[in-house]
Amino acid sequence: MPIDPKLASNATFDKTTASWDQDDVILYHLGIGAGAGKPTDPKELEYTYERSLKVLPSFAVVPVFSALGHLGAIPGVSINFAMVLHGEQDVEIHRPIPTEAKIETTGRVAGLYDKGKAALIVLEVASKLAGGEPLFTNRFSIFARGEGGFGGDAGPKPGNEAPSRTPDAVVESPTVSHQALLYRLSGDKNPLHADPDFAKMGGFDTPILHGLCSYGVVCKAVVDKLLDGAVDRVARYQARFAGVVFPGETIVTSMWKENGKIILSAKTKERDTPVIGNAAITLR
């Protein structure tokens, strides 16, 4: 049996450390499109120039991305990594992210669900500043195709459904043809996003944009449009990856204000295909 839930459930990972500086923050922001088309705009410079630098909450995925490497070391889990998809991402921000920091990170299997033809593995990664203060918590939901049928709980139903009414705001965020090549410098070196031959093996005519890049693009669209750039108002950001973006396409983000949340939905402009769904930013 590829997955033994008795061994895998609540498995923990060894403590790790990570750090970043202003250049890492700026590189991430450039990778999700900050400064594109208007590099000297004062509001864009807050993402790209150290004098007044701030950090988008979606940056929280970058310092701990390597935690996904623990997937292959979970007791009771033996899966085909060629069949693995990143299904959802959930980030809780406990305090504003500093432009430079060192963190300590611990991880565990927070959920293991049987989807019939697939398994859903939720890896929870909690990060604290060197002084012990909680900074952010990531939950990576990994969809392992062909690994279901072990008899577990099917898991909760998707939430954060987009309302049927007209969005309160819509933002178009163009990407550029080399967007994936730039974003991968923040740590995700999966060749699917750079190598045409590898992309064809995965069923794509050309490399695709990282899902977490789209995740950041959508976060920035909301912060800029509805929060007037106030990154510290984001308490949580949940999203389900619903489709792919090819570098050079435009991501269209629709937003609805709902009871202390901003419900989100994103699609490609050119193909009218979904990118992110069942998504919400919870405000503080």
Protein backbone atom coordinates (compact mmCIF):
# COMPACT_ATOMS: atom_id res chain seq x y z
CA MET A 1 0.00 0.00 0.00
CA PRO A 2 1.60 3.30 -1.10
CA ILE A 3 0.09 5.24 1.82
CA ASP A 4 -0.22 3.95 5.36
CA PRO A 5 -2.34 6.54 7.21
CA LYS A 6 -1.37 5.13 10.62
CA LEU A 7 2.26 6.01 9.95
CA ALA A 8 1.76 9.17 7.91
CA SER A 9 -0.86 11.05 9.94
CA ASN A 10 0.68 13.72 12.18
CA ALA A 11 4.24 12.78 11.16
CA THR A 12 6.66 15.60 12.01
CA PHE A 13 9.81 16.97 10.38
CA ASP A 14 13.09 18.08 11.88
CA LYS A 15 13.49 21.77 12.70
CA THR A 16 15.14 23.80 9.94
CA THR A 17 16.31 27.40 9.56
CA ALA A 18 16.04 29.95 6.77
CA SER A 19 16.84 33.59 6.19
CA TRP A 20 16.31 36.35 3.66
CA ASP A 21 17.35 39.92 3.00
CA GLN A 22 16.05 42.90 1.05
CA ASP A 23 17.39 41.60 -2.26
CA ASP A 24 15.43 38.35 -1.83
CA VAL A 25 12.24 40.32 -1.20
CA ILE A 26 12.78 42.57 -4.21
CA LEU A 27 13.58 39.59 -6.46
CA TYR A 28 10.35 37.89 -5.37
CA HIS A 29 8.31 41.03 -6.05
CA LEU A 30 9.87 41.39 -9.51
CA GLY A 31 9.07 37.73 -10.15
CA ILE A 32 5.35 38.33 -9.61
CA GLY A 33 5.30 41.46 -11.77
CA ALA A 34 6.02 44.40 -9.45
CA GLY A 35 7.20 47.44 -11.35
CA ALA A 36 6.10 46.11 -14.73
CA GLY A 37 5.09 48.96 -17.01
CA LYS A 38 5.49 51.63 -14.29
CA PRO A 39 8.84 51.07 -12.54
CA THR A 40 9.11 54.59 -11.06
CA ASP A 41 5.58 54.72 -9.64
CA PRO A 42 6.04 55.44 -5.89
CA LYS A 43 3.65 52.62 -4.96
CA GLU A 44 5.56 50.13 -7.12
CA LEU A 45 8.88 51.29 -5.67
CA GLU A 46 7.63 50.16 -2.25
CA TYR A 47 7.99 46.63 -3.66
CA THR A 48 11.22 47.12 -5.60
CA TYR A 49 13.38 49.76 -3.87
CA GLU A 50 14.96 49.29 -0.47
CA ARG A 51 14.36 52.87 0.73
CA SER A 52 10.68 52.21 1.49
CA LEU A 53 10.50 48.44 1.03
CA LYS A 54 7.55 46.39 2.27
CA VAL A 55 6.80 42.68 1.95
CA LEU A 56 3.73 41.12 0.36
CA PRO A 57 2.23 38.41 2.58
CA SER A 58 2.49 35.85 -0.24
CA PHE A 59 6.29 36.06 0.14
CA ALA A 60 5.82 33.71 3.11
CA VAL A 61 5.85 30.73 0.73
CA VAL A 62 9.42 31.45 -0.42
CA PRO A 63 11.61 30.84 2.67
CA VAL A 64 9.91 27.51 3.43
CA PHE A 65 9.38 26.19 -0.11
CA SER A 66 12.11 23.59 0.43
CA ALA A 67 9.86 21.99 3.06
CA LEU A 68 8.12 20.23 0.17
CA GLY A 69 11.25 18.11 -0.05
CA HIS A 70 10.12 16.41 3.16
CA LEU A 71 7.25 14.84 1.20
CA GLY A 72 9.48 11.96 0.19
CA ALA A 73 10.56 11.31 3.80
CA ILE A 74 7.12 11.00 5.40
CA PRO A 75 6.74 7.59 7.06
CA GLY A 76 4.08 5.51 5.35
CA VAL A 77 4.10 7.57 2.14
CA SER A 78 5.54 6.17 -1.08
CA ILE A 79 4.25 8.07 -4.10
CA ASN A 80 5.08 8.75 -7.75
CA PHE A 81 6.29 12.35 -7.80
CA ALA A 82 5.54 12.63 -11.52
CA MET A 83 1.86 12.35 -10.54
CA VAL A 84 1.95 15.02 -7.83
CA LEU A 85 0.16 18.38 -8.15
CA HIS A 86 0.13 21.41 -5.86
CA GLY A 87 -3.58 21.63 -5.14
CA GLU A 88 -4.00 24.45 -2.61
CA GLN A 89 -2.00 26.98 -0.62
CA ASP A 90 -2.97 28.54 2.70
CA VAL A 91 -0.83 31.13 4.49
CA GLU A 92 -1.57 32.67 7.88
CA ILE A 93 0.39 35.83 8.70
CA HIS A 94 0.86 36.30 12.44
CA ARG A 95 2.77 39.59 12.22
CA PRO A 96 4.06 41.81 9.38
CA ILE A 97 6.87 40.11 7.48
CA PRO A 98 10.19 41.97 7.92
CA THR A 99 12.40 42.82 4.97
CA GLU A 100 15.27 40.87 6.58
CA ALA A 101 14.96 37.96 9.00
CA LYS A 102 16.12 34.59 10.21
CA ILE A 103 13.49 31.99 11.06
CA GLU A 104 13.14 28.54 12.58
CA THR A 105 10.65 26.21 10.96
CA THR A 106 8.88 23.05 12.06
CA GLY A 107 6.58 20.89 9.96
CA ARG A 108 4.00 18.15 10.25
CA VAL A 109 1.40 16.27 8.26
CA ALA A 110 -1.73 18.21 9.21
CA GLY A 111 -4.15 16.30 6.99
CA LEU A 112 -4.33 13.10 4.96
CA TYR A 113 -7.44 12.60 2.86
CA ASP A 114 -8.62 9.84 0.55
CA LYS A 115 -10.03 11.30 -2.67
CA GLY A 116 -10.70 7.91 -4.26
CA LYS A 117 -8.34 8.11 -7.23
CA ALA A 118 -5.90 10.36 -5.38
CA ALA A 119 -4.58 11.26 -1.95
CA LEU A 120 -4.51 14.77 -0.54
CA ILE A 121 -1.59 15.42 1.80
CA VAL A 122 -1.55 18.67 3.80
CA LEU A 123 1.88 19.74 5.02
CA GLU A 124 1.77 22.43 7.71
CA VAL A 125 4.94 24.46 8.14
CA ALA A 126 5.13 26.88 11.08
CA SER A 127 7.81 29.56 11.12
CA LYS A 128 9.07 31.64 14.05
CA LEU A 129 11.52 34.52 14.23
CA ALA A 130 14.85 33.83 15.89
CA GLY A 131 13.45 35.33 19.10
CA GLY A 132 10.59 32.82 19.17
CA GLU A 133 7.75 35.05 17.93
CA PRO A 134 5.38 33.29 15.46
CA LEU A 135 5.70 34.85 12.00
CA PHE A 136 3.69 32.80 9.52
CA THR A 137 2.21 29.34 8.97
CA ASN A 138 2.01 27.70 5.54
CA ARG A 139 -0.20 24.79 4.57
CA PHE A 140 0.75 23.12 1.30
CA SER A 141 -1.99 20.79 0.00
CA ILE A 142 -0.42 18.19 -2.27
CA PHE A 143 -2.63 16.16 -4.62
CA ALA A 144 -1.04 12.76 -5.32
CA ARG A 145 -2.82 11.16 -8.27
CA GLY A 146 -3.26 7.40 -8.20
CA GLU A 147 -2.63 7.13 -4.46
CA GLY A 148 -6.17 7.05 -3.09
CA GLY A 149 -8.19 4.10 -1.92
CA PHE A 150 -6.60 3.68 1.49
CA GLY A 151 -9.92 4.18 3.27
CA GLY A 152 -9.46 7.57 4.85
CA ASP A 153 -11.68 10.61 5.29
CA ALA A 154 -12.47 12.44 2.04
CA GLY A 155 -11.74 15.79 3.69
CA PRO A 156 -13.67 19.05 3.91
CA LYS A 157 -15.57 20.45 0.96
CA PRO A 158 -14.11 23.51 -0.80
CA GLY A 159 -15.11 26.83 0.70
CA ASN A 160 -14.79 30.49 -0.30
CA GLU A 161 -17.13 30.19 -3.26
CA ALA A 162 -17.33 33.31 -5.40
CA PRO A 163 -20.66 35.17 -5.00
CA SER A 164 -23.03 35.27 -7.96
CA ARG A 165 -23.19 39.07 -7.90
CA THR A 166 -20.97 41.43 -9.89
CA PRO A 167 -17.43 41.72 -8.46
CA ASP A 168 -16.58 44.78 -6.39
CA ALA A 169 -13.32 45.10 -8.30
CA VAL A 170 -11.51 43.49 -11.22
CA VAL A 171 -7.78 43.81 -11.93
CA GLU A 172 -5.85 42.73 -15.02
CA SER A 173 -2.23 41.72 -14.34
CA PRO A 174 -0.18 41.10 -17.49
CA THR A 175 2.70 38.65 -17.24
CA VAL A 176 5.74 38.69 -19.51
CA SER A 177 7.21 35.91 -21.64
CA HIS A 178 10.17 35.38 -19.26
CA GLN A 179 8.11 35.58 -16.04
CA ALA A 180 8.72 31.96 -15.06
CA LEU A 181 12.48 32.29 -15.66
CA LEU A 182 12.53 35.23 -13.26
CA TYR A 183 10.26 33.71 -10.62
CA ARG A 184 12.25 30.45 -10.46
CA LEU A 185 15.20 32.42 -9.02
CA SER A 186 13.19 32.65 -5.78
CA GLY A 187 13.75 28.93 -5.26
CA ASP A 188 11.34 26.81 -7.32
CA LYS A 189 13.64 25.28 -9.95
CA ASN A 190 11.13 22.74 -11.31
CA PRO A 191 12.10 22.34 -15.00
CA LEU A 192 8.41 22.31 -15.91
CA HIS A 193 8.65 26.11 -15.79
CA ALA A 194 11.77 26.49 -17.95
CA ASP A 195 12.54 23.44 -20.10
CA PRO A 196 10.32 22.99 -23.20
CA ASP A 197 11.16 19.29 -23.50
CA PHE A 198 10.26 18.66 -19.86
CA ALA A 199 7.04 20.65 -20.28
CA LYS A 200 6.04 18.45 -23.23
CA MET A 201 6.56 15.37 -21.06
CA GLY A 202 4.04 16.93 -18.67
CA GLY A 203 1.54 17.48 -21.47
CA PHE A 204 2.19 21.18 -22.18
CA ASP A 205 3.37 22.68 -25.46
CA THR A 206 5.51 25.20 -23.60
CA PRO A 207 6.66 25.79 -20.00
CA ILE A 208 3.96 27.06 -17.67
CA LEU A 209 4.02 29.70 -14.96
CA HIS A 210 4.51 28.54 -11.37
CA GLY A 211 1.24 28.23 -9.47
CA LEU A 212 2.78 30.12 -6.56
CA CYS A 213 3.74 32.91 -8.96
CA SER A 214 0.08 33.28 -9.94
CA TYR A 215 -0.72 33.11 -6.21
CA GLY A 216 1.54 36.12 -5.64
CA VAL A 217 0.22 38.03 -8.66
CA VAL A 218 -3.33 37.71 -7.33
CA CYS A 219 -2.29 38.72 -3.81
CA LYS A 220 -0.62 41.88 -5.12
CA ALA A 221 -3.70 42.74 -7.20
CA VAL A 222 -5.90 42.63 -4.10
CA VAL A 223 -3.50 44.51 -1.82
CA ASP A 224 -3.04 47.28 -4.38
CA LYS A 225 -6.67 47.58 -5.48
CA LEU A 226 -8.70 47.16 -2.28
CA LEU A 227 -6.19 47.64 0.57
CA ASP A 228 -4.35 50.68 -0.77
CA GLY A 229 -1.06 48.80 -0.52
CA ALA A 230 -1.45 47.97 3.20
CA VAL A 231 0.28 44.58 3.32
CA ASP A 232 -0.20 44.36 7.10
CA ARG A 233 -3.99 44.06 6.72
CA VAL A 234 -3.72 40.51 5.35
CA ALA A 235 -4.19 37.93 8.10
CA ARG A 236 -4.68 34.87 5.91
CA TYR A 237 -4.62 33.98 2.21
CA GLN A 238 -6.23 30.74 1.00
CA ALA A 239 -6.38 29.59 -2.62
CA ARG A 240 -7.04 26.53 -4.75
CA PHE A 241 -5.06 26.16 -7.99
CA ALA A 242 -7.62 25.70 -10.75
CA GLY A 243 -5.59 25.91 -13.97
CA VAL A 244 -2.37 26.96 -15.67
CA VAL A 245 -1.00 30.25 -16.95
CA PHE A 246 1.41 30.47 -19.85
CA PRO A 247 4.02 33.25 -19.45
CA GLY A 248 2.87 36.30 -21.38
CA GLU A 249 -0.82 35.81 -20.59
CA THR A 250 -2.86 38.22 -18.47
CA ILE A 251 -4.31 37.14 -15.13
CA VAL A 252 -7.73 38.68 -14.44
CA THR A 253 -8.61 38.79 -10.73
CA SER A 254 -12.20 39.37 -9.56
CA MET A 255 -12.80 40.44 -5.95
CA TRP A 256 -15.82 40.50 -3.66
CA LYS A 257 -15.95 42.11 -0.19
CA GLU A 258 -17.67 39.64 2.15
CA ASN A 259 -17.83 39.87 5.97
CA GLY A 260 -14.20 40.67 6.79
CA LYS A 261 -12.90 38.74 3.81
CA ILE A 262 -12.14 39.41 0.18
CA ILE A 263 -13.32 36.46 -1.90
CA LEU A 264 -11.22 35.94 -5.03
CA SER A 265 -11.37 34.30 -8.40
CA ALA A 266 -8.79 34.52 -11.19
CA LYS A 267 -8.71 33.47 -14.84
CA THR A 268 -6.66 34.02 -17.97
CA LYS A 269 -7.80 36.87 -20.19
CA GLU A 270 -6.69 35.27 -23.44
CA ARG A 271 -8.22 31.80 -22.97
CA ASP A 272 -10.88 32.58 -20.35
CA THR A 273 -9.70 29.59 -18.31
CA PRO A 274 -9.62 29.40 -14.49
CA VAL A 275 -6.35 30.02 -12.63
CA ILE A 276 -7.28 30.33 -8.95
CA GLY A 277 -10.59 29.56 -7.26
CA ASN A 278 -12.10 28.97 -3.82
CA ALA A 279 -9.82 31.74 -2.65
CA ALA A 280 -10.05 34.39 0.06
CA ILE A 281 -7.98 36.94 1.89
CA THR A 282 -9.02 37.36 5.52
CA LEU A 283 -8.48 40.88 6.85
CA ARG A 284 -7.25 42.11 10.20
